[in-house]
Amino acid sequence: MKTHLYIYGALILLFIAYNIWFSVQDATLHNVINIVWASCIFLYISFLAIVLLKKMKKKK
């Protein structure tokens, strides 16, 4: 579970770094990249929740 949290933290740091330093000049493309990246982050949150629920179910 610890590695999953490290990956999640890295995704967030990459998202922040992109928005600060590596942003695209085209506003439309920048918005599309932000939406896709944020969707990937939320998808990973749901993956973490599923893994956690499966681990909790095995303990019972």
N, C-alpha and C. Protein backbone atom coordinates (compact mmCIF):
# COMPACT_ATOMS: atom_id res chain seq x y z
N MET A 1 0.83 -1.19 0.00
CA MET A 1 0.00 0.00 0.00
C MET A 1 0.87 1.25 0.00
N LYS A 2 2.05 1.13 0.59
CA LYS A 2 2.93 2.29 0.67
C LYS A 2 3.39 2.73 -0.72
N THR A 3 3.65 1.76 -1.59
CA THR A 3 4.09 2.12 -2.94
C THR A 3 2.98 2.82 -3.71
N HIS A 4 1.73 2.41 -3.48
CA HIS A 4 0.61 3.07 -4.14
C HIS A 4 0.54 4.55 -3.73
N LEU A 5 0.79 4.83 -2.47
CA LEU A 5 0.75 6.21 -2.01
C LEU A 5 1.90 7.02 -2.58
N TYR A 6 3.06 6.39 -2.75
CA TYR A 6 4.19 7.08 -3.39
C TYR A 6 3.88 7.41 -4.85
N ILE A 7 3.25 6.48 -5.54
CA ILE A 7 2.87 6.72 -6.93
C ILE A 7 1.85 7.84 -7.01
N TYR A 8 0.87 7.83 -6.10
CA TYR A 8 -0.14 8.89 -6.06
C TYR A 8 0.50 10.26 -5.80
N GLY A 9 1.44 10.30 -4.86
CA GLY A 9 2.14 11.55 -4.59
C GLY A 9 2.94 12.02 -5.78
N ALA A 10 3.57 11.09 -6.49
CA ALA A 10 4.34 11.45 -7.69
C ALA A 10 3.43 12.00 -8.79
N LEU A 11 2.24 11.40 -8.94
CA LEU A 11 1.29 11.91 -9.93
C LEU A 11 0.88 13.34 -9.63
N ILE A 12 0.63 13.63 -8.36
CA ILE A 12 0.23 14.97 -7.98
C ILE A 12 1.38 15.95 -8.18
N LEU A 13 2.60 15.55 -7.80
CA LEU A 13 3.75 16.42 -7.99
C LEU A 13 4.01 16.69 -9.47
N LEU A 14 3.85 15.70 -10.32
CA LEU A 14 4.02 15.91 -11.75
C LEU A 14 2.94 16.85 -12.30
N PHE A 15 1.73 16.72 -11.79
CA PHE A 15 0.65 17.61 -12.22
C PHE A 15 0.96 19.06 -11.84
N ILE A 16 1.44 19.26 -10.63
CA ILE A 16 1.79 20.60 -10.18
C ILE A 16 2.98 21.14 -10.97
N ALA A 17 3.99 20.29 -11.19
CA ALA A 17 5.17 20.73 -11.95
C ALA A 17 4.80 21.10 -13.38
N TYR A 18 3.91 20.35 -13.98
CA TYR A 18 3.47 20.68 -15.34
C TYR A 18 2.79 22.05 -15.36
N ASN A 19 1.92 22.30 -14.41
CA ASN A 19 1.20 23.57 -14.41
C ASN A 19 2.09 24.75 -14.10
N ILE A 20 3.17 24.54 -13.36
CA ILE A 20 4.06 25.66 -13.02
C ILE A 20 5.10 25.89 -14.11
N TRP A 21 5.79 24.82 -14.54
CA TRP A 21 6.94 25.02 -15.41
C TRP A 21 6.76 24.58 -16.86
N PHE A 22 6.01 23.53 -17.10
CA PHE A 22 5.99 22.94 -18.43
C PHE A 22 4.67 23.12 -19.17
N SER A 23 3.93 24.15 -18.88
CA SER A 23 2.61 24.30 -19.50
C SER A 23 2.74 24.66 -20.99
N VAL A 24 1.75 24.22 -21.76
CA VAL A 24 1.69 24.47 -23.19
C VAL A 24 1.12 25.87 -23.41
N GLN A 25 1.58 26.54 -24.45
CA GLN A 25 1.13 27.91 -24.72
C GLN A 25 -0.32 27.97 -25.22
N ASP A 26 -0.75 26.97 -25.96
CA ASP A 26 -2.12 26.94 -26.46
C ASP A 26 -3.08 26.66 -25.30
N ALA A 27 -4.02 27.57 -25.08
CA ALA A 27 -4.92 27.47 -23.93
C ALA A 27 -5.84 26.25 -24.01
N THR A 28 -6.34 25.95 -25.20
CA THR A 28 -7.24 24.82 -25.36
C THR A 28 -6.52 23.51 -25.08
N LEU A 29 -5.34 23.35 -25.64
CA LEU A 29 -4.56 22.13 -25.41
C LEU A 29 -4.15 22.01 -23.95
N HIS A 30 -3.82 23.14 -23.34
CA HIS A 30 -3.47 23.15 -21.92
C HIS A 30 -4.64 22.66 -21.07
N ASN A 31 -5.83 23.13 -21.38
CA ASN A 31 -7.02 22.70 -20.64
C ASN A 31 -7.31 21.21 -20.85
N VAL A 32 -7.13 20.73 -22.06
CA VAL A 32 -7.35 19.30 -22.34
C VAL A 32 -6.36 18.45 -21.56
N ILE A 33 -5.09 18.86 -21.55
CA ILE A 33 -4.07 18.11 -20.80
C ILE A 33 -4.40 18.12 -19.31
N ASN A 34 -4.82 19.26 -18.77
CA ASN A 34 -5.18 19.33 -17.36
C ASN A 34 -6.36 18.42 -17.02
N ILE A 35 -7.36 18.40 -17.89
CA ILE A 35 -8.54 17.56 -17.65
C ILE A 35 -8.17 16.09 -17.69
N VAL A 36 -7.38 15.69 -18.67
CA VAL A 36 -6.97 14.29 -18.78
C VAL A 36 -6.11 13.89 -17.59
N TRP A 37 -5.18 14.75 -17.22
CA TRP A 37 -4.29 14.44 -16.09
C TRP A 37 -5.07 14.33 -14.78
N ALA A 38 -6.00 15.26 -14.55
CA ALA A 38 -6.83 15.22 -13.34
C ALA A 38 -7.71 13.97 -13.34
N SER A 39 -8.20 13.57 -14.51
CA SER A 39 -9.00 12.35 -14.60
C SER A 39 -8.17 11.12 -14.24
N CYS A 40 -6.92 11.10 -14.67
CA CYS A 40 -6.03 9.99 -14.32
C CYS A 40 -5.79 9.95 -12.81
N ILE A 41 -5.64 11.11 -12.21
CA ILE A 41 -5.42 11.16 -10.76
C ILE A 41 -6.66 10.64 -10.02
N PHE A 42 -7.85 11.04 -10.44
CA PHE A 42 -9.06 10.55 -9.80
C PHE A 42 -9.28 9.07 -10.07
N LEU A 43 -8.89 8.59 -11.24
CA LEU A 43 -8.97 7.17 -11.53
C LEU A 43 -8.05 6.39 -10.60
N TYR A 44 -6.87 6.92 -10.33
CA TYR A 44 -5.95 6.24 -9.43
C TYR A 44 -6.48 6.25 -8.00
N ILE A 45 -7.18 7.32 -7.60
CA ILE A 45 -7.81 7.35 -6.28
C ILE A 45 -8.84 6.23 -6.17
N SER A 46 -9.64 6.04 -7.21
CA SER A 46 -10.64 4.97 -7.16
C SER A 46 -9.97 3.60 -7.14
N PHE A 47 -8.86 3.44 -7.85
CA PHE A 47 -8.10 2.19 -7.79
C PHE A 47 -7.60 1.93 -6.38
N LEU A 48 -7.08 2.97 -5.71
CA LEU A 48 -6.62 2.83 -4.33
C LEU A 48 -7.76 2.42 -3.41
N ALA A 49 -8.93 3.00 -3.62
CA ALA A 49 -10.08 2.65 -2.79
C ALA A 49 -10.48 1.19 -2.98
N ILE A 50 -10.45 0.71 -4.21
CA ILE A 50 -10.80 -0.69 -4.47
C ILE A 50 -9.80 -1.63 -3.81
N VAL A 51 -8.50 -1.30 -3.94
CA VAL A 51 -7.47 -2.13 -3.33
C VAL A 51 -7.64 -2.15 -1.81
N LEU A 52 -7.91 -1.00 -1.23
CA LEU A 52 -8.09 -0.92 0.22
C LEU A 52 -9.31 -1.72 0.68
N LEU A 53 -10.40 -1.63 -0.05
CA LEU A 53 -11.60 -2.40 0.31
C LEU A 53 -11.36 -3.90 0.20
N LYS A 54 -10.61 -4.32 -0.80
CA LYS A 54 -10.31 -5.75 -0.93
C LYS A 54 -9.43 -6.23 0.22
N LYS A 55 -8.48 -5.40 0.65
CA LYS A 55 -7.62 -5.77 1.77
C LYS A 55 -8.42 -5.83 3.06
N MET A 56 -9.37 -4.91 3.24
CA MET A 56 -10.20 -4.91 4.44
C MET A 56 -11.11 -6.14 4.46
N LYS A 57 -11.59 -6.54 3.29
CA LYS A 57 -12.48 -7.69 3.21
C LYS A 57 -11.73 -8.97 3.53
N LYS A 58 -10.47 -9.08 3.12
CA LYS A 58 -9.68 -10.28 3.40
C LYS A 58 -9.37 -10.43 4.88
N LYS A 59 -9.24 -9.33 5.60
CA LYS A 59 -8.92 -9.39 7.03
C LYS A 59 -10.07 -9.96 7.84
N LYS A 60 -11.30 -9.77 7.40
CA LYS A 60 -12.47 -10.25 8.15
C LYS A 60 -12.66 -11.69 7.96
